[in-house]
Amino acid sequence: MNERMSDIRSVQDAVRCLVDAWNHGDADAFGGAFTPAAEYVTGAGQHIRGRKGIAALLEGRGVGSTVSVVDGPSIEYTGTRAKVRFTWSTAGDDGMPRHGTITCTLEWHSTGWLIEALSNEEPREQATMPERASVIDSIGNTPVVELGRIVPHGCARVVAKLESVNPTGSMKDRMARAIVERAAADGRLAPGGTIVEYTAGTTGTSLALVCAALGYKAHFVFSDAFSDEKRYTMRAYGAEITDVPSDNGKITEQLIKTMIATAGDISRRPGHWWSDQLNNEDGEVGYHALGHEIWAQTGGRVDAFVQAVSTAHSIHGTARALRRHRPEVRVVAVEPAESAVLSGSRSGSHKIEGIGIGFIPPLWKPHEVDEILTVTTEDAKAMARRLAREEAVFAGSSTGANVVAALRVAERLGPEATVVTIVVDSGLRYLSTDVFRIMGHA
């Protein structure tokens, strides 16, 4: 029995070898982990081997060329028979995550374990729309794209997660949903209540969407330092706006702190609840799924994750999910060079909307970040323009900052690595700003 248990444990290793074999094109590795004569039998009774066995099971299902083990393998055994299960994930031909469960049934023989049957099950696609489907159910599961023309030869692969295809065109939809649903569930937010927040417009737009979808009111503190498109969009969703004037459109520590104080005052009104994004840890939870999606869509090939910092929800939430799959993932934070407080410099003014609040965010966890890179406002805006022209990726200056930093990391890591960053939001909300208004002269 001890010998059999030892071999059972080797089955767990062998199933992982199966995935490695498929990923690296070694058709013999999986079979050899059991016995050189091992045969894999499909439900149709066809005898197949190694990598071809898995390929045959997944053929025609739109599965990509690499898979990752995301759960298991688990082992159940009775007498001389063992059953091995594990869950795989990958990116499909359409770039969207797919997953399934592979089951191997094995029989113990004098020469070792032989596989009697091998099967794969994937969740059935829903033929009809779910009952009472809401617009917030469409948040997440965004595609990824590989950047090509702007990535110099010899650099790592640079992959961008298109969060701009969320309902409001921003990754903040994830955070807004998590914050509101959790507050409603534990009673902090009363039915029909009013959500209060200070915002540069992106969080406000996402919160306004969720409020409209779930039956809450919204009151946001905004400023002329941010784009008119954001103001109009928040109002379109029914939000009330209180303005705090800026110093000639500059984003400064004083502006942000005045907006925060104003939001705190408004939240004291009856029936009002302050979501307090800077101190609300629920926001991070909204980005865990983003990290798992990235892992699946890249086939488990993530060497570095690069993300700009505002509240710090997105960088920490995404990175924690990625590191559950691979603890060695390098996490790189991005901030404006003109106000590089995370790097230890003095607070200053800049014009990269949505990041760089001018002081250390309360939820910032420096021990979870490997490196901090700074990007100037002009470089961020210039990259946003290049992304539109050369990659057909239409995004704002915070995305431009992300990509500038990602290219620096990609140059260092070299062609065998993969660097992932985020397209934070859509360029449509910046058309009235100088990011795109001067495109003809850039």
Protein backbone atom coordinates (compact mmCIF):
# COMPACT_ATOMS: atom_id res chain seq x y z
CA MET A 1 0.00 0.00 0.00
CA ASN A 2 2.86 2.41 0.81
CA GLU A 3 4.32 1.79 -2.63
CA ARG A 4 0.94 2.51 -4.22
CA MET A 5 0.51 5.73 -2.18
CA SER A 6 3.94 6.86 -3.31
CA ASP A 7 2.93 6.30 -6.90
CA ILE A 8 -0.39 8.07 -6.29
CA ARG A 9 1.61 11.14 -5.33
CA SER A 10 3.61 10.74 -8.50
CA VAL A 11 0.32 10.89 -10.42
CA GLN A 12 -0.20 14.40 -9.11
CA ASP A 13 3.19 15.37 -10.45
CA ALA A 14 2.45 13.58 -13.70
CA VAL A 15 -0.75 15.54 -14.31
CA ARG A 16 1.22 18.75 -13.95
CA CYS A 17 3.77 17.29 -16.37
CA LEU A 18 0.90 16.79 -18.82
CA VAL A 19 0.27 20.52 -18.89
CA ASP A 20 3.98 21.30 -19.17
CA ALA A 21 4.28 18.76 -21.96
CA TRP A 22 1.50 20.38 -23.93
CA ASN A 23 2.88 23.87 -23.35
CA HIS A 24 6.40 22.92 -24.39
CA GLY A 25 5.59 20.48 -27.18
CA ASP A 26 7.06 17.39 -25.47
CA ALA A 27 4.70 14.57 -26.49
CA ASP A 28 6.45 11.92 -24.37
CA ALA A 29 6.80 13.69 -21.03
CA PHE A 30 3.35 12.91 -19.66
CA GLY A 31 3.26 9.28 -20.72
CA GLY A 32 6.74 8.69 -19.35
CA ALA A 33 5.71 9.95 -15.93
CA PHE A 34 3.49 6.86 -15.54
CA THR A 35 5.11 4.17 -17.66
CA PRO A 36 6.66 4.21 -21.13
CA ALA A 37 3.81 2.04 -22.40
CA ALA A 38 0.98 4.19 -21.04
CA GLU A 39 -1.95 4.68 -23.36
CA TYR A 40 -4.73 7.25 -23.12
CA VAL A 41 -8.20 6.16 -24.14
CA THR A 42 -10.96 8.59 -25.07
CA GLY A 43 -14.65 7.90 -24.54
CA ALA A 44 -14.77 6.67 -28.12
CA GLY A 45 -12.14 4.02 -27.33
CA GLN A 46 -9.43 5.65 -29.45
CA HIS A 47 -5.93 5.03 -28.13
CA ILE A 48 -3.91 8.26 -27.99
CA ARG A 49 -0.70 9.45 -26.37
CA GLY A 50 0.64 12.46 -24.44
CA ARG A 51 0.14 15.91 -25.86
CA LYS A 52 -2.05 14.64 -28.70
CA GLY A 53 -4.42 13.13 -26.16
CA ILE A 54 -5.18 16.47 -24.56
CA ALA A 55 -5.26 18.23 -27.93
CA ALA A 56 -7.85 15.72 -29.17
CA LEU A 57 -10.03 16.26 -26.09
CA LEU A 58 -10.01 20.03 -26.55
CA GLU A 59 -10.12 20.07 -30.35
CA GLY A 60 -12.83 22.27 -31.77
CA ARG A 61 -13.54 23.97 -28.43
CA GLY A 62 -11.79 27.25 -29.23
CA VAL A 63 -9.04 26.59 -26.67
CA GLY A 64 -5.72 28.39 -27.03
CA SER A 65 -2.32 26.80 -27.45
CA THR A 66 -1.38 26.79 -23.73
CA VAL A 67 -3.21 25.96 -20.54
CA SER A 68 -2.63 26.47 -16.82
CA VAL A 69 -3.61 24.32 -13.85
CA VAL A 70 -5.78 26.52 -11.60
CA ASP A 71 -7.18 23.91 -9.20
CA GLY A 72 -5.93 20.48 -8.22
CA PRO A 73 -4.95 17.89 -9.13
CA SER A 74 -7.04 15.92 -6.63
CA ILE A 75 -6.80 12.15 -6.17
CA GLU A 76 -9.49 9.59 -5.26
CA TYR A 77 -8.61 5.89 -5.14
CA THR A 78 -10.40 2.63 -4.45
CA GLY A 79 -8.55 -0.67 -4.47
CA THR A 80 -6.37 -0.75 -7.58
CA ARG A 81 -8.09 2.19 -9.29
CA ALA A 82 -7.36 5.92 -9.01
CA LYS A 83 -9.16 8.96 -10.39
CA VAL A 84 -7.25 12.20 -10.98
CA ARG A 85 -9.01 15.52 -11.57
CA PHE A 86 -7.70 19.01 -12.27
CA THR A 87 -9.14 22.25 -13.56
CA TRP A 88 -7.44 24.05 -16.43
CA SER A 89 -7.77 27.54 -17.81
CA THR A 90 -6.63 29.20 -21.02
CA ALA A 91 -7.48 32.00 -23.41
CA GLY A 92 -9.78 31.00 -26.27
CA ASP A 93 -9.43 32.02 -29.89
CA ASP A 94 -11.57 35.05 -29.08
CA GLY A 95 -9.19 36.14 -26.30
CA MET A 96 -11.70 35.38 -23.54
CA PRO A 97 -10.93 33.06 -20.60
CA ARG A 98 -12.07 29.41 -20.82
CA HIS A 99 -11.82 26.62 -18.30
CA GLY A 100 -12.70 22.98 -17.82
CA THR A 101 -12.02 19.89 -15.71
CA ILE A 102 -9.94 16.96 -16.93
CA THR A 103 -10.44 13.55 -15.29
CA CYS A 104 -7.97 10.67 -15.64
CA THR A 105 -9.01 7.15 -14.55
CA LEU A 106 -6.02 4.91 -13.82
CA GLU A 107 -5.53 1.19 -13.02
CA TRP A 108 -2.62 -0.19 -11.01
CA HIS A 109 -0.62 -2.90 -12.81
CA SER A 110 2.64 -4.61 -11.98
CA THR A 111 4.45 -2.22 -14.31
CA GLY A 112 2.88 0.90 -12.81
CA TRP A 113 -0.19 3.05 -13.43
CA LEU A 114 -1.96 2.81 -16.77
CA ILE A 115 -4.57 5.35 -17.85
CA GLU A 116 -7.84 3.66 -18.71
CA ALA A 117 -9.83 6.79 -19.62
CA LEU A 118 -9.28 10.49 -20.06
CA SER A 119 -12.09 13.03 -20.35
CA ASN A 120 -12.63 16.77 -20.35
CA GLU A 121 -15.71 18.71 -19.24
CA GLU A 122 -16.39 22.39 -19.83
CA PRO A 123 -19.29 24.42 -18.44
CA ARG A 124 -22.20 24.50 -20.83
CA GLU A 125 -22.77 27.87 -22.44
CA GLN A 126 -26.07 29.44 -21.55
CA ALA A 127 -28.39 29.42 -24.53
CA THR A 128 -30.57 32.18 -23.09
CA MET A 129 -29.99 35.38 -21.17
CA PRO A 130 -29.85 34.84 -17.38
CA GLU A 131 -32.98 35.80 -15.49
CA ARG A 132 -33.00 39.50 -14.55
CA ALA A 133 -29.61 40.18 -16.14
CA SER A 134 -28.27 43.62 -15.18
CA VAL A 135 -25.76 45.87 -16.89
CA ILE A 136 -23.39 45.36 -13.95
CA ASP A 137 -23.26 41.65 -14.81
CA SER A 138 -21.28 42.68 -17.90
CA ILE A 139 -18.44 44.09 -15.78
CA GLY A 140 -15.18 42.15 -16.18
CA ASN A 141 -13.98 39.33 -18.46
CA THR A 142 -12.38 41.95 -20.68
CA PRO A 143 -10.05 40.90 -23.54
CA VAL A 144 -6.28 41.26 -23.76
CA VAL A 145 -4.20 42.48 -26.71
CA GLU A 146 -0.51 42.13 -27.44
CA LEU A 147 1.14 45.42 -28.35
CA GLY A 148 3.34 45.16 -31.42
CA ARG A 149 4.34 48.30 -33.31
CA ILE A 150 5.40 50.36 -30.30
CA VAL A 151 7.46 47.55 -28.71
CA PRO A 152 11.11 47.70 -29.84
CA HIS A 153 12.84 44.59 -31.17
CA GLY A 154 14.43 42.44 -28.49
CA CYS A 155 12.02 43.46 -25.74
CA ALA A 156 9.65 41.27 -23.78
CA ARG A 157 6.13 40.63 -25.01
CA VAL A 158 3.86 43.45 -23.77
CA VAL A 159 0.23 42.49 -23.16
CA ALA A 160 -2.48 45.02 -22.30
CA LYS A 161 -5.77 44.24 -20.57
CA LEU A 162 -8.55 46.21 -22.31
CA GLU A 163 -10.49 47.49 -19.31
CA SER A 164 -11.85 50.19 -21.60
CA VAL A 165 -14.54 47.73 -22.77
CA ASN A 166 -16.26 47.65 -19.36
CA PRO A 167 -19.72 49.30 -19.31
CA THR A 168 -18.44 52.81 -18.49
CA GLY A 169 -15.19 52.28 -20.37
CA SER A 170 -13.06 51.90 -17.24
CA MET A 171 -11.51 49.35 -14.89
CA LYS A 172 -13.10 51.27 -11.99
CA ASP A 173 -16.42 49.52 -12.74
CA ARG A 174 -14.96 46.50 -10.91
CA MET A 175 -14.13 48.49 -7.79
CA ALA A 176 -17.42 50.38 -7.77
CA ARG A 177 -19.46 47.20 -7.93
CA ALA A 178 -17.48 45.58 -5.10
CA ILE A 179 -17.76 48.61 -2.82
CA VAL A 180 -21.48 49.14 -3.32
CA GLU A 181 -22.53 45.49 -3.14
CA ARG A 182 -20.52 44.87 0.02
CA ALA A 183 -21.81 47.99 1.74
CA ALA A 184 -25.39 47.06 0.88
CA ALA A 185 -24.88 43.50 2.11
CA ASP A 186 -23.61 44.47 5.56
CA GLY A 187 -26.03 47.36 6.11
CA ARG A 188 -23.69 50.34 5.79
CA LEU A 189 -25.63 51.47 2.71
CA ALA A 190 -29.39 51.68 3.23
CA PRO A 191 -31.83 50.85 0.41
CA GLY A 192 -32.33 53.93 -1.77
CA GLY A 193 -29.53 55.78 0.02
CA THR A 194 -27.13 58.33 -1.46
CA ILE A 195 -23.49 57.41 -2.14
CA VAL A 196 -20.98 60.23 -1.64
CA GLU A 197 -17.44 60.30 -3.04
CA TYR A 198 -14.69 62.66 -4.14
CA THR A 199 -13.60 61.76 -7.66
CA ALA A 200 -11.47 62.69 -10.63
CA GLY A 201 -14.41 61.40 -12.63
CA THR A 202 -13.48 57.81 -13.38
CA THR A 203 -14.51 56.36 -10.02
CA GLY A 204 -17.50 58.70 -10.01
CA THR A 205 -18.68 57.51 -13.42
CA SER A 206 -18.39 53.87 -12.34
CA LEU A 207 -20.19 54.50 -9.06
CA ALA A 208 -22.90 56.43 -10.92
CA LEU A 209 -23.45 53.45 -13.21
CA VAL A 210 -23.77 51.05 -10.27
CA CYS A 211 -26.07 53.45 -8.42
CA ALA A 212 -28.35 53.75 -11.45
CA ALA A 213 -28.39 49.96 -11.90
CA LEU A 214 -29.10 49.15 -8.24
CA GLY A 215 -31.43 52.00 -7.30
CA TYR A 216 -29.18 54.33 -5.28
CA LYS A 217 -28.57 58.08 -5.55
CA ALA A 218 -25.13 59.60 -6.08
CA HIS A 219 -23.50 62.86 -4.98
CA PHE A 220 -19.91 63.44 -6.09
CA VAL A 221 -17.26 66.09 -5.41
CA PHE A 222 -15.51 66.99 -8.66
CA SER A 223 -13.21 69.70 -10.07
CA ASP A 224 -12.44 71.65 -13.24
CA ALA A 225 -9.01 69.95 -13.21
CA PHE A 226 -10.65 66.96 -14.87
CA SER A 227 -12.32 66.45 -18.23
CA ASP A 228 -15.77 67.74 -19.12
CA GLU A 229 -16.67 64.33 -20.57
CA LYS A 230 -16.48 62.81 -17.09
CA ARG A 231 -18.72 65.54 -15.66
CA TYR A 232 -21.34 65.04 -18.40
CA THR A 233 -21.26 61.25 -18.03
CA MET A 234 -21.78 61.33 -14.26
CA ARG A 235 -24.70 63.69 -14.71
CA ALA A 236 -26.15 61.47 -17.43
CA TYR A 237 -26.29 58.61 -14.90
CA GLY A 238 -28.18 60.91 -12.50
CA ALA A 239 -25.38 62.01 -10.16
CA GLU A 240 -25.40 65.34 -8.36
CA ILE A 241 -22.05 67.17 -8.53
CA THR A 242 -20.40 69.65 -6.17
CA ASP A 243 -17.37 71.43 -7.65
CA VAL A 244 -14.07 72.39 -6.01
CA PRO A 245 -12.07 74.85 -8.19
CA SER A 246 -8.47 74.01 -9.11
CA ASP A 247 -5.39 76.16 -9.61
CA ASN A 248 -5.52 76.58 -13.39
CA GLY A 249 -6.40 72.93 -14.00
CA LYS A 250 -3.49 71.52 -11.99
CA ILE A 251 -3.88 68.31 -9.96
CA THR A 252 -2.31 69.01 -6.55
CA GLU A 253 -2.29 67.60 -3.04
CA GLN A 254 -4.26 70.60 -1.80
CA LEU A 255 -6.97 70.12 -4.44
CA ILE A 256 -7.43 66.43 -3.61
CA LYS A 257 -7.52 67.02 0.16
CA THR A 258 -10.09 69.81 -0.24
CA MET A 259 -12.25 67.50 -2.36
CA ILE A 260 -11.97 64.76 0.27
CA ALA A 261 -12.95 67.14 3.08
CA THR A 262 -15.94 68.37 1.06
CA ALA A 263 -17.10 64.79 0.49
CA GLY A 264 -16.82 64.14 4.21
CA ASP A 265 -19.04 67.13 4.97
CA ILE A 266 -21.71 66.06 2.48
CA SER A 267 -21.73 62.49 3.84
CA ARG A 268 -22.99 63.74 7.22
CA ARG A 269 -26.38 64.50 5.70
CA PRO A 270 -29.21 62.06 6.52
CA GLY A 271 -29.40 59.03 4.24
CA HIS A 272 -25.91 59.67 2.80
CA TRP A 273 -23.04 57.13 2.89
CA TRP A 274 -19.44 57.98 2.02
CA SER A 275 -17.80 55.20 0.04
CA ASP A 276 -14.41 56.76 0.99
CA GLN A 277 -12.39 55.07 -1.73
CA LEU A 278 -9.02 55.98 -0.23
CA ASN A 279 -9.74 54.05 2.97
CA ASN A 280 -12.20 51.41 1.76
CA GLU A 281 -10.48 48.03 1.49
CA ASP A 282 -13.48 46.54 -0.34
CA GLY A 283 -12.23 48.23 -3.49
CA GLU A 284 -9.25 45.88 -3.73
CA VAL A 285 -11.53 42.83 -3.83
CA GLY A 286 -13.00 44.09 -7.10
CA TYR A 287 -9.64 43.58 -8.83
CA HIS A 288 -8.94 39.99 -7.76
CA ALA A 289 -10.88 38.68 -10.75
CA LEU A 290 -8.83 40.91 -13.04
CA GLY A 291 -5.65 39.16 -11.94
CA HIS A 292 -7.12 35.70 -12.43
CA GLU A 293 -8.39 36.70 -15.89
CA ILE A 294 -4.92 37.93 -16.89
CA TRP A 295 -3.34 34.67 -15.75
CA ALA A 296 -5.78 32.59 -17.79
CA GLN A 297 -5.63 34.79 -20.89
CA THR A 298 -1.82 34.79 -21.03
CA GLY A 299 -1.67 31.04 -20.56
CA GLY A 300 0.12 31.53 -17.25
CA ARG A 301 2.89 33.60 -18.83
CA VAL A 302 3.26 36.67 -16.61
CA ASP A 303 6.72 37.84 -15.53
CA ALA A 304 5.87 41.42 -14.59
CA PHE A 305 2.74 43.45 -13.88
CA VAL A 306 2.87 47.23 -14.36
CA GLN A 307 0.15 49.57 -13.04
CA ALA A 308 -0.23 53.24 -12.16
CA VAL A 309 -1.25 54.16 -8.60
CA SER A 310 -4.13 56.29 -7.38
CA THR A 311 -5.93 54.66 -4.43
CA ALA A 312 -3.68 51.54 -4.80
CA HIS A 313 -6.71 49.22 -5.07
CA SER A 314 -5.97 48.02 -8.60
CA ILE A 315 -2.25 47.36 -8.28
CA HIS A 316 -2.57 45.42 -5.02
CA GLY A 317 -5.76 43.53 -5.87
CA THR A 318 -4.52 42.42 -9.29
CA ALA A 319 -1.02 41.59 -8.08
CA ARG A 320 -2.27 39.49 -5.18
CA ALA A 321 -4.36 37.37 -7.55
CA LEU A 322 -1.44 36.95 -9.96
CA ARG A 323 0.90 35.94 -7.15
CA ARG A 324 -1.51 33.23 -6.06
CA HIS A 325 -0.58 31.57 -9.34
CA ARG A 326 3.07 32.62 -9.43
CA PRO A 327 4.63 34.28 -6.37
CA GLU A 328 7.63 35.49 -8.42
CA VAL A 329 5.59 37.91 -10.58
CA ARG A 330 7.37 41.28 -10.51
CA VAL A 331 5.05 44.14 -9.53
CA VAL A 332 5.92 47.62 -10.82
CA ALA A 333 4.10 50.76 -9.67
CA VAL A 334 3.85 53.89 -11.84
CA GLU A 335 3.43 57.50 -10.68
CA PRO A 336 3.78 61.00 -12.20
CA ALA A 337 7.37 62.25 -12.26
CA GLU A 338 6.16 65.71 -11.24
CA SER A 339 4.63 64.35 -8.01
CA ALA A 340 6.62 61.20 -7.22
CA VAL A 341 5.66 60.87 -3.56
CA LEU A 342 5.77 57.07 -3.60
CA SER A 343 9.41 57.35 -4.66
CA GLY A 344 10.18 59.72 -1.79
CA SER A 345 10.09 63.00 -3.73
CA ARG A 346 8.12 66.13 -2.92
CA SER A 347 4.48 66.51 -3.88
CA GLY A 348 3.89 68.56 -7.01
CA SER A 349 1.33 69.29 -9.72
CA HIS A 350 0.76 67.21 -12.85
CA LYS A 351 -1.92 66.53 -15.48
CA ILE A 352 -2.17 62.74 -15.70
CA GLU A 353 -5.81 62.30 -14.77
CA GLY A 354 -6.75 59.54 -12.36
CA ILE A 355 -3.36 58.86 -10.73
CA GLY A 356 -0.87 60.62 -8.46
CA ILE A 357 -3.00 62.11 -5.67
CA GLY A 358 -0.03 64.05 -4.23
CA PHE A 359 0.33 62.09 -0.99
CA ILE A 360 0.77 58.45 0.07
CA PRO A 361 -2.56 56.61 -0.32
CA PRO A 362 -3.65 55.10 3.02
CA LEU A 363 -3.97 51.64 1.44
CA TRP A 364 -0.54 51.74 -0.23
CA LYS A 365 1.51 48.63 0.66
CA PRO A 366 5.11 49.23 -0.46
CA HIS A 367 6.22 45.75 0.66
CA GLU A 368 3.98 44.27 -2.06
CA VAL A 369 5.70 46.25 -4.84
CA ASP A 370 9.11 45.47 -6.30
CA GLU A 371 9.78 48.75 -8.09
CA ILE A 372 8.36 52.24 -8.66
CA LEU A 373 8.80 54.01 -12.00
CA THR A 374 8.02 57.65 -12.74
CA VAL A 375 6.60 59.01 -16.01
CA THR A 376 6.23 62.67 -16.98
CA THR A 377 2.87 64.11 -17.97
CA GLU A 378 4.12 64.88 -21.48
CA ASP A 379 5.48 61.36 -22.01
CA ALA A 380 2.20 59.86 -20.79
CA LYS A 381 0.13 62.03 -23.14
CA ALA A 382 2.45 61.37 -26.07
CA MET A 383 2.17 57.61 -25.52
CA ALA A 384 -1.64 57.83 -25.37
CA ARG A 385 -1.52 59.43 -28.83
CA ARG A 386 0.87 56.78 -30.14
CA LEU A 387 -1.34 53.99 -28.83
CA ALA A 388 -4.27 55.36 -30.82
CA ARG A 389 -2.29 55.88 -34.00
CA GLU A 390 -0.03 52.82 -33.98
CA GLU A 391 -1.93 50.17 -32.01
CA ALA A 392 -5.56 51.35 -32.46
CA VAL A 393 -5.87 51.37 -28.65
CA PHE A 394 -7.79 54.50 -27.64
CA ALA A 395 -7.05 55.39 -24.03
CA GLY A 396 -6.17 58.21 -21.66
CA SER A 397 -2.89 59.49 -20.25
CA SER A 398 -2.84 57.12 -17.25
CA THR A 399 -2.75 54.25 -19.76
CA GLY A 400 -0.01 56.12 -21.60
CA ALA A 401 1.99 56.21 -18.36
CA ASN A 402 1.40 52.49 -17.87
CA VAL A 403 2.71 51.65 -21.33
CA VAL A 404 5.75 53.94 -21.06
CA ALA A 405 6.74 52.12 -17.87
CA ALA A 406 5.88 48.69 -19.29
CA LEU A 407 8.22 49.28 -22.24
CA ARG A 408 11.07 50.12 -19.84
CA VAL A 409 10.48 46.88 -17.95
CA ALA A 410 10.15 44.91 -21.22
CA GLU A 411 13.49 46.23 -22.42
CA ARG A 412 15.20 45.00 -19.26
CA LEU A 413 13.54 41.56 -19.15
CA GLY A 414 14.21 40.62 -22.76
CA PRO A 415 12.31 38.66 -25.44
CA GLU A 416 11.57 35.53 -23.41
CA ALA A 417 9.47 37.39 -20.82
CA THR A 418 5.90 38.74 -20.73
CA VAL A 419 4.98 42.11 -19.24
CA VAL A 420 1.31 42.87 -18.53
CA THR A 421 -0.24 46.28 -18.03
CA ILE A 422 -3.75 47.77 -18.08
CA VAL A 423 -5.64 49.98 -20.50
CA VAL A 424 -7.29 51.86 -17.64
CA ASP A 425 -10.06 53.63 -19.51
CA SER A 426 -11.30 54.85 -22.89
CA GLY A 427 -9.89 57.86 -24.70
CA LEU A 428 -13.45 59.00 -25.40
CA ARG A 429 -13.55 60.75 -22.03
CA TYR A 430 -10.51 62.89 -22.88
CA LEU A 431 -11.47 64.33 -26.27
CA SER A 432 -11.89 67.84 -24.85
CA THR A 433 -8.44 67.76 -23.20
CA ASP A 434 -5.04 68.44 -24.73
CA VAL A 435 -4.32 64.70 -24.81
CA PHE A 436 -6.16 64.45 -28.13
CA ARG A 437 -7.26 67.99 -28.95
CA ILE A 438 -3.80 68.71 -30.40
CA MET A 439 -3.45 65.35 -32.17
CA GLY A 440 -2.99 67.03 -35.57
CA HIS A 441 0.10 68.82 -34.24
CA ALA A 442 1.59 66.08 -32.08
